[in-house]
Amino acid sequence: MQNRGNTKKAVFAAVGIGLAVILAVSFLLFHGKDAPDNGNGRGLVVSADASDWDKNLEDRSGEASGIKIPGYGELTIGKDAGEFQMSLVNPEGNPCYFKYTLEIPETSEVLYDSDLIEPGKAITKFAVENLPEKGDYDLYINISTYSLDDSLESMNGAQVKTILHVV
């Protein structure tokens, strides 16, 4: 009789542990998706490095409506700089977030990949990776845009081409 009691206790313990594991996994699966990744599971988050941008940008759109894309001239960085000081801006009034990717097309090396930047904000200093040797390179400043609502739907993007001088 005592053996049967121990068997029942073991079964109840196993069932209890099984239920606890199922509850823990369910919690992680269903509540984990509500974590800070507000990018619909795509890894998109609003940048904590962006600050308010109150400088005026020249508007060459002729008052046309739509997404305002900033232009960029030639850029210079020291080979051993490790940090780039340039303004990755999302102009005030844009109906979307910006996400910047700086890329050297000859090597497909990405120098920087930002988080989402809100309208009226800018990232003005950031760490760079994969800097090429000293020289002049084409630089693509790719701007992806995403809706401001919770869906973060992809919108039109842009690619600004410029020259990067590594000195």
Foldseek 3Di string as FASTA:
>chain_A
DVVVVVVVVVVVVVVVVVVVVVVVVVCCVPVVVVPQQLANPPSAHEDPQKDADDDDADDPPPPDDAFDDGADEEAEDEPPRQKDFAKPARAAPHQWWKWKWKAFVVVRDTFDTGHTYDHRIIRGMDGTPDDDDFDKTKIKIKIWTFGPDSNRHTDDIDIHIYMYGHD
